[in-house]
N, C-alpha and C. Protein backbone atom coordinates (compact mmCIF):
# COMPACT_ATOMS: atom_id res chain seq x y z
N MET A 1 116.47 121.81 118.30
CA MET A 1 117.63 122.63 118.00
C MET A 1 117.62 122.98 116.51
N ASP A 2 118.03 124.17 116.20
CA ASP A 2 118.08 124.64 114.83
C ASP A 2 119.22 123.95 114.09
N SER A 3 118.99 123.56 112.86
CA SER A 3 120.05 122.88 112.12
C SER A 3 121.06 123.90 111.60
N PRO A 4 122.36 123.56 111.68
CA PRO A 4 123.37 124.47 111.14
C PRO A 4 123.15 124.74 109.66
N GLY A 5 122.69 123.73 108.90
CA GLY A 5 122.47 123.94 107.46
C GLY A 5 121.44 125.02 107.19
N ARG A 6 120.37 125.03 107.98
CA ARG A 6 119.35 126.07 107.81
C ARG A 6 119.92 127.44 108.13
N GLN A 7 120.66 127.54 109.21
CA GLN A 7 121.24 128.83 109.58
C GLN A 7 122.28 129.29 108.56
N GLU A 8 123.01 128.36 107.97
CA GLU A 8 123.96 128.73 106.92
C GLU A 8 123.24 129.29 105.71
N ARG A 9 122.07 128.71 105.37
CA ARG A 9 121.27 129.26 104.26
C ARG A 9 120.77 130.66 104.60
N VAL A 10 120.32 130.84 105.84
CA VAL A 10 119.86 132.16 106.28
C VAL A 10 120.99 133.17 106.15
N LEU A 11 122.17 132.79 106.59
CA LEU A 11 123.33 133.67 106.52
C LEU A 11 123.66 134.04 105.07
N ALA A 12 123.60 133.07 104.18
CA ALA A 12 123.88 133.32 102.76
C ALA A 12 122.85 134.29 102.17
N VAL A 13 121.58 134.10 102.51
CA VAL A 13 120.55 135.02 101.99
C VAL A 13 120.73 136.41 102.59
N LEU A 14 121.02 136.50 103.87
CA LEU A 14 121.24 137.82 104.49
C LEU A 14 122.40 138.55 103.82
N ALA A 15 123.46 137.83 103.47
CA ALA A 15 124.59 138.45 102.77
C ALA A 15 124.14 138.97 101.41
N ALA A 16 123.31 138.20 100.71
CA ALA A 16 122.80 138.64 99.40
C ALA A 16 121.87 139.84 99.56
N VAL A 17 121.04 139.84 100.61
CA VAL A 17 120.15 140.98 100.89
C VAL A 17 120.99 142.23 101.11
N ARG A 18 122.03 142.10 101.92
CA ARG A 18 122.89 143.25 102.21
C ARG A 18 123.51 143.80 100.93
N GLU A 19 124.01 142.90 100.10
CA GLU A 19 124.63 143.32 98.84
C GLU A 19 123.64 144.08 97.96
N GLN A 20 122.40 143.58 97.88
CA GLN A 20 121.39 144.28 97.07
C GLN A 20 121.10 145.67 97.61
N LEU A 21 120.98 145.77 98.94
CA LEU A 21 120.65 147.07 99.54
C LEU A 21 121.79 148.06 99.39
N VAL A 22 123.02 147.58 99.39
CA VAL A 22 124.17 148.47 99.16
C VAL A 22 124.11 149.01 97.73
N GLN A 23 123.71 148.16 96.79
CA GLN A 23 123.63 148.57 95.39
C GLN A 23 122.50 149.56 95.15
N GLY A 24 121.42 149.43 95.92
CA GLY A 24 120.30 150.34 95.75
C GLY A 24 119.17 150.00 96.71
N TRP A 25 118.69 150.98 97.42
CA TRP A 25 117.63 150.79 98.40
C TRP A 25 116.46 151.70 98.03
N VAL A 26 115.24 151.19 98.17
CA VAL A 26 114.05 151.97 97.84
C VAL A 26 113.03 151.90 98.96
N GLN A 27 112.12 152.83 98.93
CA GLN A 27 110.96 152.83 99.81
C GLN A 27 109.71 152.84 98.94
N GLU A 28 108.60 152.39 99.55
CA GLU A 28 107.29 152.40 98.88
C GLU A 28 107.24 151.54 97.61
N ALA A 29 108.11 150.54 97.53
CA ALA A 29 108.09 149.60 96.40
C ALA A 29 108.88 148.36 96.82
N TRP A 30 108.58 147.22 96.17
CA TRP A 30 109.35 146.01 96.46
C TRP A 30 110.75 146.13 95.88
N TRP A 31 110.80 146.53 94.60
CA TRP A 31 112.10 146.77 93.97
C TRP A 31 111.90 147.58 92.70
N VAL A 32 113.02 148.01 92.16
CA VAL A 32 113.05 148.74 90.90
C VAL A 32 113.92 147.92 89.95
N THR A 33 113.40 147.72 88.74
CA THR A 33 114.16 146.94 87.75
C THR A 33 114.45 147.80 86.53
N ARG A 34 115.46 147.36 85.83
CA ARG A 34 115.81 148.01 84.56
C ARG A 34 116.12 146.90 83.57
N ALA A 35 115.34 146.86 82.50
CA ALA A 35 115.60 145.90 81.42
C ALA A 35 116.80 146.41 80.63
N PRO A 36 117.55 145.52 80.00
CA PRO A 36 118.74 145.95 79.25
C PRO A 36 118.44 147.04 78.22
N SER A 37 117.29 146.97 77.58
CA SER A 37 116.98 147.98 76.56
C SER A 37 115.71 148.76 76.89
N GLY A 38 115.29 148.69 78.15
CA GLY A 38 114.03 149.34 78.49
C GLY A 38 114.17 150.33 79.63
N PRO A 39 113.04 150.96 79.95
CA PRO A 39 113.04 151.94 81.03
C PRO A 39 113.03 151.27 82.40
N GLN A 40 113.25 152.09 83.39
CA GLN A 40 113.18 151.61 84.77
C GLN A 40 111.73 151.30 85.11
N ARG A 41 111.52 150.22 85.89
CA ARG A 41 110.17 149.82 86.28
C ARG A 41 110.12 149.62 87.78
N THR A 42 109.13 150.24 88.42
CA THR A 42 108.94 150.09 89.85
C THR A 42 107.91 149.01 90.10
N VAL A 43 108.27 148.01 90.91
CA VAL A 43 107.37 146.90 91.23
C VAL A 43 106.84 147.14 92.63
N ARG A 44 105.52 147.36 92.71
CA ARG A 44 104.89 147.67 93.99
C ARG A 44 104.02 146.54 94.53
N ALA A 45 103.81 145.50 93.74
CA ALA A 45 102.96 144.40 94.18
C ALA A 45 103.59 143.08 93.75
N LEU A 46 103.52 142.10 94.62
CA LEU A 46 104.03 140.79 94.25
C LEU A 46 103.22 140.25 93.09
N GLY A 47 103.88 139.58 92.18
CA GLY A 47 103.20 139.03 91.03
C GLY A 47 103.01 140.04 89.92
N ALA A 48 103.46 141.28 90.14
CA ALA A 48 103.30 142.31 89.12
C ALA A 48 104.23 142.09 87.95
N THR A 49 105.22 141.27 88.15
CA THR A 49 106.14 140.95 87.08
C THR A 49 106.52 139.48 87.17
N SER A 50 106.63 138.82 86.04
CA SER A 50 107.04 137.43 86.08
C SER A 50 108.55 137.32 86.01
N GLU A 51 109.21 138.33 85.53
CA GLU A 51 110.67 138.34 85.43
C GLU A 51 111.17 139.69 85.92
N PRO A 52 111.79 139.73 87.12
CA PRO A 52 112.18 141.02 87.65
C PRO A 52 113.28 141.73 86.88
N GLY A 53 114.00 141.05 86.02
CA GLY A 53 115.06 141.71 85.26
C GLY A 53 116.21 142.10 86.18
N GLN A 54 116.94 143.11 85.80
CA GLN A 54 118.07 143.58 86.58
C GLN A 54 117.56 144.50 87.69
N VAL A 55 117.64 144.02 88.92
CA VAL A 55 117.17 144.82 90.06
C VAL A 55 118.21 145.89 90.36
N SER A 56 117.76 147.14 90.35
CA SER A 56 118.68 148.24 90.64
C SER A 56 118.44 148.83 92.02
N GLY A 57 117.38 148.42 92.68
CA GLY A 57 117.10 148.87 94.04
C GLY A 57 115.99 148.03 94.62
N ALA A 58 116.03 147.82 95.95
CA ALA A 58 115.00 147.02 96.60
C ALA A 58 114.78 147.54 98.01
N CYS A 59 113.57 147.30 98.52
CA CYS A 59 113.32 147.56 99.93
C CYS A 59 113.83 146.36 100.71
N LEU A 60 113.79 146.42 102.02
CA LEU A 60 114.30 145.33 102.84
C LEU A 60 113.63 144.00 102.50
N VAL A 61 112.31 143.96 102.52
CA VAL A 61 111.59 142.72 102.24
C VAL A 61 111.72 142.35 100.76
N GLY A 62 111.71 143.32 99.88
CA GLY A 62 111.91 143.04 98.46
C GLY A 62 113.25 142.38 98.19
N ALA A 63 114.28 142.81 98.91
CA ALA A 63 115.60 142.20 98.75
C ALA A 63 115.59 140.75 99.22
N VAL A 64 114.83 140.46 100.28
CA VAL A 64 114.69 139.07 100.74
C VAL A 64 114.00 138.25 99.65
N LEU A 65 112.90 138.76 99.14
CA LEU A 65 112.15 138.04 98.11
C LEU A 65 113.00 137.82 96.87
N ASN A 66 113.72 138.84 96.46
CA ASN A 66 114.54 138.72 95.27
C ASN A 66 115.72 137.76 95.50
N SER A 67 116.26 137.75 96.70
CA SER A 67 117.40 136.87 97.01
C SER A 67 117.01 135.40 97.12
N THR A 68 115.75 135.14 97.42
CA THR A 68 115.31 133.76 97.60
C THR A 68 114.44 133.27 96.46
N GLY A 69 114.08 134.15 95.53
CA GLY A 69 113.19 133.74 94.45
C GLY A 69 111.76 133.59 94.93
N SER A 70 111.43 134.17 96.09
CA SER A 70 110.10 133.98 96.68
C SER A 70 109.02 134.82 96.03
N ASP A 71 109.37 135.63 95.04
CA ASP A 71 108.34 136.33 94.29
C ASP A 71 107.70 135.37 93.29
N ARG A 72 108.31 134.21 93.12
CA ARG A 72 107.79 133.17 92.25
C ARG A 72 107.34 132.00 93.13
N PRO A 73 106.52 131.10 92.63
CA PRO A 73 106.04 130.00 93.46
C PRO A 73 107.20 129.13 93.98
N GLN A 74 107.43 129.19 95.27
CA GLN A 74 108.45 128.39 95.95
C GLN A 74 107.99 128.16 97.37
N PRO A 75 108.56 127.19 98.04
CA PRO A 75 108.17 126.95 99.43
C PRO A 75 108.47 128.15 100.31
N ALA A 76 107.61 128.38 101.30
CA ALA A 76 107.78 129.52 102.20
C ALA A 76 109.04 129.39 103.04
N TRP A 77 109.56 128.16 103.23
CA TRP A 77 110.74 127.99 104.07
C TRP A 77 111.96 128.68 103.52
N VAL A 78 111.95 129.07 102.25
CA VAL A 78 113.11 129.72 101.66
C VAL A 78 113.32 131.10 102.30
N ALA A 79 112.28 131.91 102.38
CA ALA A 79 112.41 133.27 102.90
C ALA A 79 112.01 133.41 104.37
N GLY A 80 111.18 132.52 104.87
CA GLY A 80 110.64 132.65 106.22
C GLY A 80 111.67 132.81 107.31
N PRO A 81 112.68 131.96 107.39
CA PRO A 81 113.68 132.11 108.45
C PRO A 81 114.46 133.42 108.34
N VAL A 82 114.61 133.94 107.12
CA VAL A 82 115.30 135.21 106.93
C VAL A 82 114.44 136.34 107.48
N VAL A 83 113.14 136.28 107.22
CA VAL A 83 112.20 137.27 107.78
C VAL A 83 112.27 137.24 109.30
N ASP A 84 112.28 136.04 109.89
CA ASP A 84 112.38 135.92 111.34
C ASP A 84 113.66 136.55 111.86
N ALA A 85 114.79 136.29 111.19
CA ALA A 85 116.08 136.84 111.62
C ALA A 85 116.08 138.36 111.56
N LEU A 86 115.53 138.92 110.50
CA LEU A 86 115.47 140.38 110.37
C LEU A 86 114.53 141.00 111.39
N TYR A 87 113.40 140.36 111.62
CA TYR A 87 112.45 140.88 112.61
C TYR A 87 113.08 140.88 114.00
N ASP A 88 113.73 139.77 114.36
CA ASP A 88 114.38 139.70 115.68
C ASP A 88 115.46 140.76 115.81
N ALA A 89 116.21 140.99 114.74
CA ALA A 89 117.25 142.02 114.76
C ALA A 89 116.64 143.41 114.93
N LEU A 90 115.54 143.67 114.24
CA LEU A 90 114.86 144.96 114.39
C LEU A 90 114.33 145.12 115.81
N TRP A 91 113.72 144.08 116.33
CA TRP A 91 113.19 144.11 117.69
C TRP A 91 114.31 144.42 118.69
N GLU A 92 115.43 143.75 118.51
CA GLU A 92 116.58 143.97 119.40
C GLU A 92 117.13 145.39 119.24
N ALA A 93 117.19 145.89 118.01
CA ALA A 93 117.70 147.24 117.76
C ALA A 93 116.81 148.30 118.42
N ARG A 94 115.55 147.96 118.59
CA ARG A 94 114.61 148.89 119.23
C ARG A 94 114.61 148.73 120.75
N GLY A 95 115.52 147.91 121.28
CA GLY A 95 115.62 147.76 122.72
C GLY A 95 114.93 146.54 123.28
N GLY A 96 114.33 145.74 122.42
CA GLY A 96 113.68 144.52 122.88
C GLY A 96 114.69 143.41 123.09
N HIS A 97 114.26 142.35 123.71
CA HIS A 97 115.13 141.20 123.93
C HIS A 97 114.65 140.07 123.03
N ALA A 98 115.50 139.64 122.13
CA ALA A 98 115.18 138.55 121.22
C ALA A 98 116.16 137.42 121.45
N GLU A 99 115.65 136.29 121.89
CA GLU A 99 116.49 135.12 122.14
C GLU A 99 117.06 134.58 120.83
N LEU A 100 118.21 133.95 120.93
CA LEU A 100 118.76 133.21 119.80
C LEU A 100 118.14 131.81 119.89
N THR A 101 117.04 131.61 119.18
CA THR A 101 116.30 130.35 119.31
C THR A 101 116.14 129.68 117.96
N SER A 102 115.58 128.48 118.02
CA SER A 102 115.33 127.71 116.80
C SER A 102 113.85 127.68 116.45
N ARG A 103 113.07 128.54 117.05
CA ARG A 103 111.63 128.50 116.80
C ARG A 103 111.31 128.81 115.34
N VAL A 104 110.23 128.29 114.88
CA VAL A 104 109.75 128.55 113.54
C VAL A 104 108.42 129.27 113.68
N SER A 105 108.31 130.42 113.08
CA SER A 105 107.09 131.22 113.20
C SER A 105 105.97 130.63 112.35
N SER A 106 104.75 130.78 112.84
CA SER A 106 103.58 130.34 112.08
C SER A 106 103.35 131.30 110.91
N PRO A 107 102.62 130.88 109.89
CA PRO A 107 102.35 131.77 108.75
C PRO A 107 101.72 133.12 109.15
N PRO A 108 100.73 133.17 110.06
CA PRO A 108 100.20 134.49 110.43
C PRO A 108 101.25 135.38 111.12
N VAL A 109 102.11 134.77 111.92
CA VAL A 109 103.16 135.55 112.59
C VAL A 109 104.15 136.07 111.55
N ARG A 110 104.53 135.23 110.60
CA ARG A 110 105.45 135.67 109.55
C ARG A 110 104.85 136.81 108.74
N LEU A 111 103.57 136.71 108.41
CA LEU A 111 102.92 137.78 107.66
C LEU A 111 102.97 139.08 108.45
N ALA A 112 102.69 139.02 109.74
CA ALA A 112 102.75 140.22 110.58
C ALA A 112 104.17 140.77 110.60
N ARG A 113 105.15 139.90 110.63
CA ARG A 113 106.55 140.35 110.63
C ARG A 113 106.92 141.01 109.31
N VAL A 114 106.46 140.43 108.21
CA VAL A 114 106.71 141.06 106.90
C VAL A 114 106.09 142.45 106.87
N GLN A 115 104.87 142.57 107.37
CA GLN A 115 104.20 143.88 107.39
C GLN A 115 104.96 144.87 108.26
N THR A 116 105.44 144.42 109.42
CA THR A 116 106.20 145.30 110.31
C THR A 116 107.49 145.76 109.64
N LEU A 117 108.22 144.83 109.05
CA LEU A 117 109.48 145.18 108.37
C LEU A 117 109.23 146.13 107.20
N THR A 118 108.13 145.90 106.47
CA THR A 118 107.80 146.77 105.34
C THR A 118 107.47 148.18 105.81
N ARG A 119 106.62 148.28 106.84
CA ARG A 119 106.28 149.61 107.37
C ARG A 119 107.51 150.32 107.90
N TRP A 120 108.37 149.59 108.60
CA TRP A 120 109.58 150.19 109.16
C TRP A 120 110.47 150.69 108.02
N ASN A 121 110.67 149.89 106.97
CA ASN A 121 111.48 150.29 105.82
C ASN A 121 110.93 151.56 105.18
N ASP A 122 109.60 151.65 105.09
CA ASP A 122 108.96 152.75 104.37
C ASP A 122 108.70 153.99 105.23
N THR A 123 109.09 153.96 106.49
CA THR A 123 108.88 155.12 107.36
C THR A 123 109.61 156.33 106.80
N PRO A 124 108.91 157.47 106.65
CA PRO A 124 109.60 158.67 106.16
C PRO A 124 110.80 159.00 107.06
N GLY A 125 111.90 159.35 106.43
CA GLY A 125 113.11 159.69 107.17
C GLY A 125 114.04 158.50 107.39
N ARG A 126 113.54 157.28 107.12
CA ARG A 126 114.39 156.09 107.26
C ARG A 126 115.53 156.20 106.27
N THR A 127 116.70 155.71 106.63
CA THR A 127 117.86 155.76 105.74
C THR A 127 118.33 154.36 105.40
N ARG A 128 119.05 154.26 104.31
CA ARG A 128 119.63 152.98 103.92
C ARG A 128 120.60 152.50 105.00
N GLU A 129 121.31 153.41 105.63
CA GLU A 129 122.25 153.03 106.69
C GLU A 129 121.52 152.36 107.86
N GLN A 130 120.36 152.86 108.22
CA GLN A 130 119.58 152.25 109.30
C GLN A 130 119.13 150.85 108.91
N VAL A 131 118.73 150.68 107.67
CA VAL A 131 118.29 149.36 107.19
C VAL A 131 119.49 148.41 107.18
N LEU A 132 120.64 148.87 106.73
CA LEU A 132 121.83 148.03 106.71
C LEU A 132 122.27 147.66 108.13
N GLU A 133 122.07 148.55 109.09
CA GLU A 133 122.39 148.23 110.48
C GLU A 133 121.56 147.05 110.98
N VAL A 134 120.29 147.01 110.62
CA VAL A 134 119.43 145.89 111.03
C VAL A 134 119.87 144.61 110.32
N VAL A 135 120.22 144.70 109.04
CA VAL A 135 120.70 143.53 108.32
C VAL A 135 122.00 143.03 108.96
N ASP A 136 122.90 143.95 109.28
CA ASP A 136 124.16 143.56 109.92
C ASP A 136 123.91 142.90 111.27
N ARG A 137 122.96 143.41 112.01
CA ARG A 137 122.61 142.81 113.31
C ARG A 137 122.06 141.40 113.10
N ALA A 138 121.23 141.22 112.07
CA ALA A 138 120.69 139.89 111.76
C ALA A 138 121.82 138.93 111.36
N ILE A 139 122.78 139.43 110.61
CA ILE A 139 123.93 138.60 110.23
C ILE A 139 124.70 138.19 111.47
N CYS A 140 124.98 139.13 112.36
CA CYS A 140 125.70 138.81 113.60
C CYS A 140 124.94 137.81 114.45
N ARG A 141 123.63 138.01 114.58
CA ARG A 141 122.81 137.09 115.38
C ARG A 141 122.82 135.69 114.76
N THR A 142 122.78 135.60 113.45
CA THR A 142 122.80 134.30 112.77
C THR A 142 124.13 133.61 112.98
N ILE A 143 125.22 134.35 112.90
CA ILE A 143 126.54 133.78 113.16
C ILE A 143 126.60 133.28 114.60
N MET A 144 126.07 134.04 115.54
CA MET A 144 126.08 133.61 116.94
C MET A 144 125.23 132.36 117.14
N THR A 145 124.13 132.25 116.41
CA THR A 145 123.32 131.04 116.47
C THR A 145 124.11 129.85 115.94
N LEU A 146 124.85 130.07 114.85
CA LEU A 146 125.68 129.00 114.30
C LEU A 146 126.76 128.57 115.28
N VAL A 147 127.37 129.53 115.94
CA VAL A 147 128.41 129.22 116.92
C VAL A 147 127.82 128.38 118.05
N GLY A 148 126.59 128.71 118.46
CA GLY A 148 125.94 127.97 119.53
C GLY A 148 125.25 126.70 119.08
N ALA A 149 125.14 126.50 117.75
CA ALA A 149 124.38 125.37 117.23
C ALA A 149 125.00 124.03 117.60
N GLY A 150 126.31 123.96 117.76
CA GLY A 150 126.95 122.70 118.08
C GLY A 150 127.28 122.56 119.55
N LYS A 151 126.64 123.34 120.39
CA LYS A 151 126.95 123.32 121.82
C LYS A 151 126.48 122.02 122.47
N PRO A 152 127.18 121.59 123.50
CA PRO A 152 126.73 120.40 124.23
C PRO A 152 125.46 120.69 125.00
N PRO A 153 124.65 119.67 125.32
CA PRO A 153 123.43 119.89 126.09
C PRO A 153 123.73 120.59 127.42
N GLY A 154 122.88 121.52 127.79
CA GLY A 154 123.01 122.22 129.06
C GLY A 154 123.88 123.46 128.99
N VAL A 155 124.48 123.75 127.84
CA VAL A 155 125.33 124.93 127.70
C VAL A 155 124.52 125.99 126.95
N GLU A 156 124.44 127.19 127.52
CA GLU A 156 123.69 128.25 126.87
C GLU A 156 124.39 128.71 125.60
N ALA A 157 123.58 129.11 124.60
CA ALA A 157 124.15 129.67 123.37
C ALA A 157 124.78 131.00 123.69
N LEU A 158 125.81 131.36 122.94
CA LEU A 158 126.44 132.66 123.11
C LEU A 158 125.47 133.74 122.68
N ARG A 159 125.52 134.86 123.32
CA ARG A 159 124.66 135.99 122.98
C ARG A 159 125.52 137.08 122.34
N PRO A 160 125.01 137.72 121.25
CA PRO A 160 125.81 138.73 120.57
C PRO A 160 125.94 140.02 121.38
N TYR A 161 125.03 140.27 122.30
CA TYR A 161 125.06 141.52 123.06
C TYR A 161 124.79 141.21 124.52
N PRO A 162 125.40 141.99 125.42
CA PRO A 162 125.14 141.74 126.85
C PRO A 162 123.70 142.02 127.25
């Protein structure tokens, strides 16, 4: 069973991701920064900057990385469950069925999910509203997982959608 503490951390990061995307969303880059006295800088590769500065816009995955500090050396568990939540929400938004489960994805699966989310974010014609809809769906799914996290044995978790 998934721990409520882990899901609460996922929920907190998703809220931070949403806030960043509302402030500014980008495509074809991880994020855009602006130093207090410098020009705007577009970061297109991880490790391209040691200090991201004031982020003025981020892509979906860039917002996750920036919200968890995963652009710097940290354990993968910080961002991984958030990537899983966003991927499941995207899958569901596309008409797929994604269970509310406690599974933990393997590193190759997570990498594939990051690539899928990145390509989806960068698709020409994609809008910030569409990206926010997926984040909102991930937030709802995480809340539903939390609601079901304390269920007695043999009781199915609540599902956010019929």
